[in-house]
Amino acid sequence: MNDYDEKISHSIHKFSDILDISEVVWHIAKKSKIHERFTYVFIIDSIASVSSIEFELVHVQDTKDMVDTLIPKTVHSCHSETWGNDKWFSYLCTTWIGLC
């Protein structure tokens, strides 16, 4: 079995940014010259998740709206009280989106 890895890096501008990395991943997979392949995407040292949606503006907006509905930022958080930050929202979003 052959392995191939490559690092990519993206920055976001707002918390709720959703990025389409499918073209980049496709080119990396093609460049690997491995004809039978599975592609795995990992996020290292960040609060983020990888999921898949049909990347159209309406789907992206629906996803953002659903996250706001399921996990409103105004909800009481024990994490915020304990650690003094609002990362709880990021943790929950990445957990739920990553499970989809």
PDB file of N, CA and C in Angstrom:
ATOM      1  N   MET A   1       0.846  -1.187   0.000  1.00  0.00           N
ATOM      2  CA  MET A   1       0.000   0.000   0.000  1.00  0.00           C
ATOM      3  C   MET A   1       0.883   1.238   0.000  1.00  0.00           C
ATOM      4  N   ASN A   2       0.596   2.163  -0.869  1.00  0.00           N
ATOM      5  CA  ASN A   2       1.349   3.414  -0.960  1.00  0.00           C
ATOM      6  C   ASN A   2       0.663   4.502  -0.146  1.00  0.00           C
ATOM      7  N   ASP A   3       1.482   5.365   0.390  1.00  0.00           N
ATOM      8  CA  ASP A   3       0.975   6.528   1.118  1.00  0.00           C
ATOM      9  C   ASP A   3       1.500   7.785   0.458  1.00  0.00           C
ATOM     10  N   TYR A   4       0.741   8.847   0.584  1.00  0.00           N
ATOM     11  CA  TYR A   4       1.166  10.150   0.090  1.00  0.00           C
ATOM     12  C   TYR A   4       0.557  11.173   1.027  1.00  0.00           C
ATOM     13  N   ASP A   5       1.338  12.138   1.433  1.00  0.00           N
ATOM     14  CA  ASP A   5       0.749  13.191   2.263  1.00  0.00           C
ATOM     15  C   ASP A   5       1.260  14.543   1.813  1.00  0.00           C
ATOM     16  N   GLU A   6       0.434  15.509   2.053  1.00  0.00           N
ATOM     17  CA  GLU A   6       0.775  16.887   1.715  1.00  0.00           C
ATOM     18  C   GLU A   6       0.021  17.800   2.663  1.00  0.00           C
ATOM     19  N   LYS A   7       0.672  18.854   3.058  1.00  0.00           N
ATOM     20  CA  LYS A   7       0.070  19.815   3.983  1.00  0.00           C
ATOM     21  C   LYS A   7      -0.528  20.973   3.193  1.00  0.00           C
ATOM     22  N   ILE A   8      -1.734  21.350   3.573  1.00  0.00           N
ATOM     23  CA  ILE A   8      -2.346  22.559   3.030  1.00  0.00           C
ATOM     24  C   ILE A   8      -2.717  23.448   4.209  1.00  0.00           C
ATOM     25  N   SER A   9      -2.830  24.709   3.968  1.00  0.00           N
ATOM     26  CA  SER A   9      -3.153  25.650   5.033  1.00  0.00           C
ATOM     27  C   SER A   9      -4.172  26.659   4.523  1.00  0.00           C
ATOM     28  N   HIS A  10      -5.162  26.937   5.354  1.00  0.00           N
ATOM     29  CA  HIS A  10      -6.185  27.924   5.013  1.00  0.00           C
ATOM     30  C   HIS A  10      -6.432  28.806   6.221  1.00  0.00           C
ATOM     31  N   SER A  11      -6.757  30.036   5.957  1.00  0.00           N
ATOM     32  CA  SER A  11      -7.146  30.959   7.020  1.00  0.00           C
ATOM     33  C   SER A  11      -8.606  31.324   6.819  1.00  0.00           C
ATOM     34  N   ILE A  12      -9.275  31.562   7.916  1.00  0.00           N
ATOM     35  CA  ILE A  12     -10.653  32.033   7.831  1.00  0.00           C
ATOM     36  C   ILE A  12     -10.706  33.473   8.315  1.00  0.00           C
ATOM     37  N   HIS A  13     -11.750  34.156   7.893  1.00  0.00           N
ATOM     38  CA  HIS A  13     -11.893  35.566   8.260  1.00  0.00           C
ATOM     39  C   HIS A  13     -12.901  35.757   9.381  1.00  0.00           C
ATOM     40  N   LYS A  14     -13.912  34.898   9.417  1.00  0.00           N
ATOM     41  CA  LYS A  14     -14.932  34.965  10.457  1.00  0.00           C
ATOM     42  C   LYS A  14     -15.097  33.576  11.046  1.00  0.00           C
ATOM     43  N   PHE A  15     -15.642  33.515  12.234  1.00  0.00           N
ATOM     44  CA  PHE A  15     -15.819  32.231  12.913  1.00  0.00           C
ATOM     45  C   PHE A  15     -16.598  31.240  12.050  1.00  0.00           C
ATOM     46  N   SER A  16     -17.656  31.705  11.428  1.00  0.00           N
ATOM     47  CA  SER A  16     -18.562  30.784  10.738  1.00  0.00           C
ATOM     48  C   SER A  16     -18.182  30.532   9.282  1.00  0.00           C
ATOM     49  N   ASP A  17     -16.964  30.856   8.888  1.00  0.00           N
ATOM     50  CA  ASP A  17     -16.558  30.596   7.514  1.00  0.00           C
ATOM     51  C   ASP A  17     -16.607  29.107   7.196  1.00  0.00           C
ATOM     52  N   ILE A  18     -17.064  28.806   6.023  1.00  0.00           N
ATOM     53  CA  ILE A  18     -17.086  27.436   5.511  1.00  0.00           C
ATOM     54  C   ILE A  18     -16.268  27.454   4.231  1.00  0.00           C
ATOM     55  N   LEU A  19     -15.257  26.616   4.182  1.00  0.00           N
ATOM     56  CA  LEU A  19     -14.342  26.610   3.046  1.00  0.00           C
ATOM     57  C   LEU A  19     -14.592  25.411   2.148  1.00  0.00           C
ATOM     58  N   ASP A  20     -14.460  25.624   0.861  1.00  0.00           N
ATOM     59  CA  ASP A  20     -14.534  24.533  -0.105  1.00  0.00           C
ATOM     60  C   ASP A  20     -13.106  24.138  -0.458  1.00  0.00           C
ATOM     61  N   ILE A  21     -12.655  23.007   0.054  1.00  0.00           N
ATOM     62  CA  ILE A  21     -11.287  22.547  -0.218  1.00  0.00           C
ATOM     63  C   ILE A  21     -11.266  21.368  -1.181  1.00  0.00           C
ATOM     64  N   SER A  22     -12.401  21.073  -1.796  1.00  0.00           N
ATOM     65  CA  SER A  22     -12.492  19.889  -2.646  1.00  0.00           C
ATOM     66  C   SER A  22     -11.538  19.941  -3.835  1.00  0.00           C
ATOM     67  N   GLU A  23     -11.387  21.076  -4.488  1.00  0.00           N
ATOM     68  CA  GLU A  23     -10.460  21.183  -5.624  1.00  0.00           C
ATOM     69  C   GLU A  23      -9.021  20.937  -5.191  1.00  0.00           C
ATOM     70  N   VAL A  24      -8.635  21.522  -4.076  1.00  0.00           N
ATOM     71  CA  VAL A  24      -7.269  21.360  -3.573  1.00  0.00           C
ATOM     72  C   VAL A  24      -7.010  19.894  -3.238  1.00  0.00           C
ATOM     73  N   VAL A  25      -7.951  19.264  -2.552  1.00  0.00           N
ATOM     74  CA  VAL A  25      -7.791  17.860  -2.176  1.00  0.00           C
ATOM     75  C   VAL A  25      -7.761  16.978  -3.428  1.00  0.00           C
ATOM     76  N   TRP A  26      -8.608  17.277  -4.404  1.00  0.00           N
ATOM     77  CA  TRP A  26      -8.633  16.499  -5.645  1.00  0.00           C
ATOM     78  C   TRP A  26      -7.283  16.576  -6.353  1.00  0.00           C
ATOM     79  N   HIS A  27      -6.702  17.778  -6.443  1.00  0.00           N
ATOM     80  CA  HIS A  27      -5.400  17.939  -7.108  1.00  0.00           C
ATOM     81  C   HIS A  27      -4.291  17.203  -6.356  1.00  0.00           C
ATOM     82  N   ILE A  28      -4.330  17.223  -5.057  1.00  0.00           N
ATOM     83  CA  ILE A  28      -3.335  16.493  -4.261  1.00  0.00           C
ATOM     84  C   ILE A  28      -3.476  14.998  -4.510  1.00  0.00           C
ATOM     85  N   ALA A  29      -4.697  14.502  -4.510  1.00  0.00           N
ATOM     86  CA  ALA A  29      -4.918  13.075  -4.761  1.00  0.00           C
ATOM     87  C   ALA A  29      -4.430  12.689  -6.152  1.00  0.00           C
ATOM     88  N   LYS A  30      -4.688  13.529  -7.130  1.00  0.00           N
ATOM     89  CA  LYS A  30      -4.235  13.249  -8.494  1.00  0.00           C
ATOM     90  C   LYS A  30      -2.707  13.283  -8.575  1.00  0.00           C
ATOM     91  N   LYS A  31      -2.101  14.254  -7.913  1.00  0.00           N
ATOM     92  CA  LYS A  31      -0.649  14.387  -7.915  1.00  0.00           C
ATOM     93  C   LYS A  31       0.033  13.190  -7.252  1.00  0.00           C
ATOM     94  N   SER A  32      -0.660  12.515  -6.361  1.00  0.00           N
ATOM     95  CA  SER A  32      -0.081  11.375  -5.649  1.00  0.00           C
ATOM     96  C   SER A  32       0.233  10.211  -6.584  1.00  0.00           C
ATOM     97  N   LYS A  33      -0.449  10.161  -7.721  1.00  0.00           N
ATOM     98  CA  LYS A  33      -0.285   9.083  -8.710  1.00  0.00           C
ATOM     99  C   LYS A  33      -0.614   7.708  -8.132  1.00  0.00           C
ATOM    100  N   ILE A  34      -1.378   7.704  -7.071  1.00  0.00           N
ATOM    101  CA  ILE A  34      -1.896   6.457  -6.518  1.00  0.00           C
ATOM    102  C   ILE A  34      -3.277   6.278  -7.141  1.00  0.00           C
ATOM    103  N   HIS A  35      -3.463   5.250  -7.915  1.00  0.00           N
ATOM    104  CA  HIS A  35      -4.684   5.112  -8.704  1.00  0.00           C
ATOM    105  C   HIS A  35      -5.883   4.646  -7.887  1.00  0.00           C
ATOM    106  N   GLU A  36      -5.671   3.752  -6.946  1.00  0.00           N
ATOM    107  CA  GLU A  36      -6.752   3.346  -6.057  1.00  0.00           C
ATOM    108  C   GLU A  36      -6.496   4.008  -4.713  1.00  0.00           C
ATOM    109  N   ARG A  37      -7.341   4.936  -4.355  1.00  0.00           N
ATOM    110  CA  ARG A  37      -7.016   5.741  -3.183  1.00  0.00           C
ATOM    111  C   ARG A  37      -8.243   6.113  -2.358  1.00  0.00           C
ATOM    112  N   PHE A  38      -7.967   6.306  -1.105  1.00  0.00           N
ATOM    113  CA  PHE A  38      -8.881   6.953  -0.183  1.00  0.00           C
ATOM    114  C   PHE A  38      -8.197   8.239   0.230  1.00  0.00           C
ATOM    115  N   THR A  39      -8.977   9.261   0.465  1.00  0.00           N
ATOM    116  CA  THR A  39      -8.403  10.530   0.881  1.00  0.00           C
ATOM    117  C   THR A  39      -8.881  10.843   2.292  1.00  0.00           C
ATOM    118  N   TYR A  40      -7.949  11.131   3.163  1.00  0.00           N
ATOM    119  CA  TYR A  40      -8.249  11.512   4.535  1.00  0.00           C
ATOM    120  C   TYR A  40      -7.773  12.938   4.753  1.00  0.00           C
ATOM    121  N   VAL A  41      -8.592  13.731   5.412  1.00  0.00           N
ATOM    122  CA  VAL A  41      -8.236  15.118   5.712  1.00  0.00           C
ATOM    123  C   VAL A  41      -8.242  15.256   7.232  1.00  0.00           C
ATOM    124  N   PHE A  42      -7.150  15.746   7.771  1.00  0.00           N
ATOM    125  CA  PHE A  42      -7.021  15.949   9.214  1.00  0.00           C
ATOM    126  C   PHE A  42      -6.806  17.425   9.493  1.00  0.00           C
ATOM    127  N   ILE A  43      -7.287  17.855  10.631  1.00  0.00           N
ATOM    128  CA  ILE A  43      -7.053  19.221  11.094  1.00  0.00           C
ATOM    129  C   ILE A  43      -6.183  19.123  12.326  1.00  0.00           C
ATOM    130  N   ILE A  44      -5.062  19.789  12.275  1.00  0.00           N
ATOM    131  CA  ILE A  44      -4.091  19.720  13.363  1.00  0.00           C
ATOM    132  C   ILE A  44      -4.034  21.074  14.068  1.00  0.00           C
ATOM    133  N   ASP A  45      -4.092  21.034  15.393  1.00  0.00           N
ATOM    134  CA  ASP A  45      -3.886  22.216  16.221  1.00  0.00           C
ATOM    135  C   ASP A  45      -4.868  23.346  15.915  1.00  0.00           C
ATOM    136  N   SER A  46      -6.140  22.992  15.823  1.00  0.00           N
ATOM    137  CA  SER A  46      -7.153  24.003  15.574  1.00  0.00           C
ATOM    138  C   SER A  46      -8.505  23.477  16.043  1.00  0.00           C
ATOM    139  N   ILE A  47      -9.418  24.388  16.272  1.00  0.00           N
ATOM    140  CA  ILE A  47     -10.787  24.007  16.588  1.00  0.00           C
ATOM    141  C   ILE A  47     -11.562  24.135  15.280  1.00  0.00           C
ATOM    142  N   ALA A  48     -11.702  23.028  14.596  1.00  0.00           N
ATOM    143  CA  ALA A  48     -12.398  23.014  13.307  1.00  0.00           C
ATOM    144  C   ALA A  48     -12.861  21.603  13.019  1.00  0.00           C
ATOM    145  N   SER A  49     -13.647  21.441  11.979  1.00  0.00           N
ATOM    146  CA  SER A  49     -14.078  20.105  11.586  1.00  0.00           C
ATOM    147  C   SER A  49     -14.124  20.005  10.073  1.00  0.00           C
ATOM    148  N   VAL A  50     -14.112  18.776   9.610  1.00  0.00           N
ATOM    149  CA  VAL A  50     -14.236  18.501   8.187  1.00  0.00           C
ATOM    150  C   VAL A  50     -15.555  17.783   7.987  1.00  0.00           C
ATOM    151  N   SER A  51     -16.318  18.258   7.070  1.00  0.00           N
ATOM    152  CA  SER A  51     -17.584  17.644   6.734  1.00  0.00           C
ATOM    153  C   SER A  51     -17.784  17.825   5.242  1.00  0.00           C
ATOM    154  N   SER A  52     -18.864  17.319   4.738  1.00  0.00           N
ATOM    155  CA  SER A  52     -19.111  17.515   3.308  1.00  0.00           C
ATOM    156  C   SER A  52     -20.545  17.967   3.083  1.00  0.00           C
ATOM    157  N   ILE A  53     -20.670  18.956   2.242  1.00  0.00           N
ATOM    158  CA  ILE A  53     -21.969  19.425   1.785  1.00  0.00           C
ATOM    159  C   ILE A  53     -21.801  19.764   0.312  1.00  0.00           C
ATOM    160  N   GLU A  54     -22.901  19.848  -0.388  1.00  0.00           N
ATOM    161  CA  GLU A  54     -22.835  20.348  -1.752  1.00  0.00           C
ATOM    162  C   GLU A  54     -22.555  21.840  -1.626  1.00  0.00           C
ATOM    163  N   PHE A  55     -21.420  22.262  -2.123  1.00  0.00           N
ATOM    164  CA  PHE A  55     -20.958  23.622  -1.855  1.00  0.00           C
ATOM    165  C   PHE A  55     -21.629  24.623  -2.793  1.00  0.00           C
ATOM    166  N   GLU A  56     -22.838  24.986  -2.424  1.00  0.00           N
ATOM    167  CA  GLU A  56     -23.580  26.039  -3.112  1.00  0.00           C
ATOM    168  C   GLU A  56     -23.935  27.065  -2.050  1.00  0.00           C
ATOM    169  N   LEU A  57     -24.065  28.305  -2.460  1.00  0.00           N
ATOM    170  CA  LEU A  57     -24.312  29.381  -1.490  1.00  0.00           C
ATOM    171  C   LEU A  57     -25.518  29.102  -0.600  1.00  0.00           C
ATOM    172  N   VAL A  58     -26.596  28.551  -1.159  1.00  0.00           N
ATOM    173  CA  VAL A  58     -27.782  28.293  -0.330  1.00  0.00           C
ATOM    174  C   VAL A  58     -27.515  27.209   0.703  1.00  0.00           C
ATOM    175  N   HIS A  59     -26.734  26.204   0.344  1.00  0.00           N
ATOM    176  CA  HIS A  59     -26.411  25.143   1.306  1.00  0.00           C
ATOM    177  C   HIS A  59     -25.482  25.664   2.399  1.00  0.00           C
ATOM    178  N   VAL A  60     -24.550  26.485   2.008  1.00  0.00           N
ATOM    179  CA  VAL A  60     -23.630  27.076   2.989  1.00  0.00           C
ATOM    180  C   VAL A  60     -24.419  27.938   3.974  1.00  0.00           C
ATOM    181  N   GLN A  61     -25.320  28.773   3.476  1.00  0.00           N
ATOM    182  CA  GLN A  61     -26.118  29.627   4.359  1.00  0.00           C
ATOM    183  C   GLN A  61     -27.036  28.797   5.241  1.00  0.00           C
ATOM    184  N   ASP A  62     -27.649  27.758   4.675  1.00  0.00           N
ATOM    185  CA  ASP A  62     -28.500  26.872   5.484  1.00  0.00           C
ATOM    186  C   ASP A  62     -27.704  26.219   6.612  1.00  0.00           C
ATOM    187  N   THR A  63     -26.477  25.818   6.316  1.00  0.00           N
ATOM    188  CA  THR A  63     -25.621  25.199   7.324  1.00  0.00           C
ATOM    189  C   THR A  63     -25.314  26.186   8.445  1.00  0.00           C
ATOM    190  N   LYS A  64     -24.945  27.404   8.078  1.00  0.00           N
ATOM    191  CA  LYS A  64     -24.667  28.432   9.093  1.00  0.00           C
ATOM    192  C   LYS A  64     -25.909  28.711   9.945  1.00  0.00           C
ATOM    193  N   ASP A  65     -27.063  28.816   9.287  1.00  0.00           N
ATOM    194  CA  ASP A  65     -28.309  29.083  10.013  1.00  0.00           C
ATOM    195  C   ASP A  65     -28.655  27.936  10.954  1.00  0.00           C
ATOM    196  N   MET A  66     -28.436  26.704  10.509  1.00  0.00           N
ATOM    197  CA  MET A  66     -28.747  25.545  11.346  1.00  0.00           C
ATOM    198  C   MET A  66     -27.833  25.493  12.567  1.00  0.00           C
ATOM    199  N   VAL A  67     -26.561  25.813  12.387  1.00  0.00           N
ATOM    200  CA  VAL A  67     -25.640  25.845  13.527  1.00  0.00           C
ATOM    201  C   VAL A  67     -26.105  26.889  14.531  1.00  0.00           C
ATOM    202  N   ASP A  68     -26.507  28.073  14.043  1.00  0.00           N
ATOM    203  CA  ASP A  68     -26.994  29.121  14.943  1.00  0.00           C
ATOM    204  C   ASP A  68     -28.265  28.691  15.681  1.00  0.00           C
ATOM    205  N   THR A  69     -29.089  27.886  15.026  1.00  0.00           N
ATOM    206  CA  THR A  69     -30.321  27.400  15.650  1.00  0.00           C
ATOM    207  C   THR A  69     -30.027  26.315  16.684  1.00  0.00           C
ATOM    208  N   LEU A  70     -29.163  25.369  16.320  1.00  0.00           N
ATOM    209  CA  LEU A  70     -28.864  24.246  17.213  1.00  0.00           C
ATOM    210  C   LEU A  70     -27.987  24.642  18.394  1.00  0.00           C
ATOM    211  N   ILE A  71     -27.058  25.551  18.154  1.00  0.00           N
ATOM    212  CA  ILE A  71     -26.106  25.929  19.196  1.00  0.00           C
ATOM    213  C   ILE A  71     -26.029  27.464  19.270  1.00  0.00           C
ATOM    214  N   PRO A  72     -27.053  28.098  19.837  1.00  0.00           N
ATOM    215  CA  PRO A  72     -27.030  29.558  19.927  1.00  0.00           C
ATOM    216  C   PRO A  72     -25.926  30.049  20.870  1.00  0.00           C
ATOM    217  N   LYS A  73     -25.285  31.108  20.492  1.00  0.00           N
ATOM    218  CA  LYS A  73     -24.165  31.638  21.285  1.00  0.00           C
ATOM    219  C   LYS A  73     -24.623  32.211  22.627  1.00  0.00           C
ATOM    220  N   THR A  74     -25.918  32.414  22.777  1.00  0.00           N
ATOM    221  CA  THR A  74     -26.438  33.018  24.008  1.00  0.00           C
ATOM    222  C   THR A  74     -26.720  32.006  25.111  1.00  0.00           C
ATOM    223  N   VAL A  75     -26.535  30.730  24.832  1.00  0.00           N
ATOM    224  CA  VAL A  75     -26.815  29.684  25.817  1.00  0.00           C
ATOM    225  C   VAL A  75     -25.764  29.693  26.923  1.00  0.00           C
ATOM    226  N   HIS A  76     -26.204  29.430  28.150  1.00  0.00           N
ATOM    227  CA  HIS A  76     -25.306  29.334  29.301  1.00  0.00           C
ATOM    228  C   HIS A  76     -24.277  28.238  29.063  1.00  0.00           C
ATOM    229  N   SER A  77     -23.046  28.491  29.447  1.00  0.00           N
ATOM    230  CA  SER A  77     -21.980  27.518  29.236  1.00  0.00           C
ATOM    231  C   SER A  77     -21.138  27.345  30.493  1.00  0.00           C
ATOM    232  N   CYS A  78     -21.056  26.127  30.984  1.00  0.00           N
ATOM    233  CA  CYS A  78     -20.177  25.832  32.119  1.00  0.00           C
ATOM    234  C   CYS A  78     -18.713  26.021  31.723  1.00  0.00           C
ATOM    235  N   HIS A  79     -18.403  25.727  30.469  1.00  0.00           N
ATOM    236  CA  HIS A  79     -17.032  25.913  29.984  1.00  0.00           C
ATOM    237  C   HIS A  79     -16.606  27.374  30.134  1.00  0.00           C
ATOM    238  N   SER A  80     -17.474  28.295  29.733  1.00  0.00           N
ATOM    239  CA  SER A  80     -17.138  29.717  29.826  1.00  0.00           C
ATOM    240  C   SER A  80     -16.914  30.138  31.271  1.00  0.00           C
ATOM    241  N   GLU A  81     -17.751  29.628  32.173  1.00  0.00           N
ATOM    242  CA  GLU A  81     -17.584  29.958  33.586  1.00  0.00           C
ATOM    243  C   GLU A  81     -16.283  29.388  34.140  1.00  0.00           C
ATOM    244  N   THR A  82     -15.941  28.180  33.721  1.00  0.00           N
ATOM    245  CA  THR A  82     -14.743  27.515  34.233  1.00  0.00           C
ATOM    246  C   THR A  82     -13.468  28.102  33.665  1.00  0.00           C
ATOM    247  N   TRP A  83     -13.427  28.306  32.345  1.00  0.00           N
ATOM    248  CA  TRP A  83     -12.191  28.700  31.674  1.00  0.00           C
ATOM    249  C   TRP A  83     -12.136  30.172  31.291  1.00  0.00           C
ATOM    250  N   GLY A  84     -13.252  30.883  31.417  1.00  0.00           N
ATOM    251  CA  GLY A  84     -13.247  32.318  31.138  1.00  0.00           C
ATOM    252  C   GLY A  84     -13.118  32.661  29.661  1.00  0.00           C
ATOM    253  N   ASN A  85     -13.514  31.729  28.782  1.00  0.00           N
ATOM    254  CA  ASN A  85     -13.501  32.048  27.353  1.00  0.00           C
ATOM    255  C   ASN A  85     -14.762  31.469  26.712  1.00  0.00           C
ATOM    256  N   ASP A  86     -14.987  31.805  25.465  1.00  0.00           N
ATOM    257  CA  ASP A  86     -16.178  31.339  24.767  1.00  0.00           C
ATOM    258  C   ASP A  86     -15.876  30.248  23.742  1.00  0.00           C
ATOM    259  N   LYS A  87     -14.841  29.473  23.980  1.00  0.00           N
ATOM    260  CA  LYS A  87     -14.496  28.407  23.041  1.00  0.00           C
ATOM    261  C   LYS A  87     -15.502  27.263  23.043  1.00  0.00           C
ATOM    262  N   TRP A  88     -16.359  27.211  24.044  1.00  0.00           N
ATOM    263  CA  TRP A  88     -17.348  26.135  24.123  1.00  0.00           C
ATOM    264  C   TRP A  88     -18.168  26.059  22.846  1.00  0.00           C
ATOM    265  N   PHE A  89     -18.515  27.209  22.289  1.00  0.00           N
ATOM    266  CA  PHE A  89     -19.320  27.259  21.072  1.00  0.00           C
ATOM    267  C   PHE A  89     -18.565  26.588  19.921  1.00  0.00           C
ATOM    268  N   SER A  90     -17.289  26.876  19.815  1.00  0.00           N
ATOM    269  CA  SER A  90     -16.457  26.256  18.777  1.00  0.00           C
ATOM    270  C   SER A  90     -16.369  24.753  18.980  1.00  0.00           C
ATOM    271  N   TYR A  91     -16.169  24.329  20.213  1.00  0.00           N
ATOM    272  CA  TYR A  91     -16.067  22.895  20.493  1.00  0.00           C
ATOM    273  C   TYR A  91     -17.355  22.166  20.103  1.00  0.00           C
ATOM    274  N   LEU A  92     -18.498  22.721  20.484  1.00  0.00           N
ATOM    275  CA  LEU A  92     -19.762  22.069  20.157  1.00  0.00           C
ATOM    276  C   LEU A  92     -20.023  22.062  18.653  1.00  0.00           C
ATOM    277  N   CYS A  93     -19.746  23.170  17.996  1.00  0.00           N
ATOM    278  CA  CYS A  93     -19.961  23.225  16.548  1.00  0.00           C
ATOM    279  C   CYS A  93     -19.110  22.201  15.820  1.00  0.00           C
ATOM    280  N   THR A  94     -17.848  22.128  16.169  1.00  0.00           N
ATOM    281  CA  THR A  94     -16.970  21.170  15.478  1.00  0.00           C
ATOM    282  C   THR A  94     -17.362  19.733  15.790  1.00  0.00           C
ATOM    283  N   THR A  95     -17.844  19.483  16.992  1.00  0.00           N
ATOM    284  CA  THR A  95     -18.310  18.141  17.328  1.00  0.00           C
ATOM    285  C   THR A  95     -19.530  17.766  16.509  1.00  0.00           C
ATOM    286  N   TRP A  96     -20.521  18.629  16.482  1.00  0.00           N
ATOM    287  CA  TRP A  96     -21.757  18.314  15.761  1.00  0.00           C
ATOM    288  C   TRP A  96     -21.537  18.264  14.256  1.00  0.00           C
ATOM    289  N   ILE A  97     -20.820  19.205  13.717  1.00  0.00           N
ATOM    290  CA  ILE A  97     -20.581  19.201  12.267  1.00  0.00           C
ATOM    291  C   ILE A  97     -19.703  18.020  11.881  1.00  0.00           C
ATOM    292  N   GLY A  98     -18.725  17.718  12.693  1.00  0.00           N
ATOM    293  CA  GLY A  98     -17.850  16.587  12.409  1.00  0.00           C
ATOM    294  C   GLY A  98     -18.579  15.253  12.441  1.00  0.00           C
ATOM    295  N   LEU A  99     -19.682  15.172  13.171  1.00  0.00           N
ATOM    296  CA  LEU A  99     -20.463  13.934  13.236  1.00  0.00           C
ATOM    297  C   LEU A  99     -21.386  13.752  12.042  1.00  0.00           C
ATOM    298  N   CYS A 100     -21.640  14.825  11.329  1.00  0.00           N
ATOM    299  CA  CYS A 100     -22.602  14.758  10.193  1.00  0.00           C
ATOM    300  C   CYS A 100     -22.054  13.927   9.055  1.00  0.00           C
TER     301      CYS A 100
END
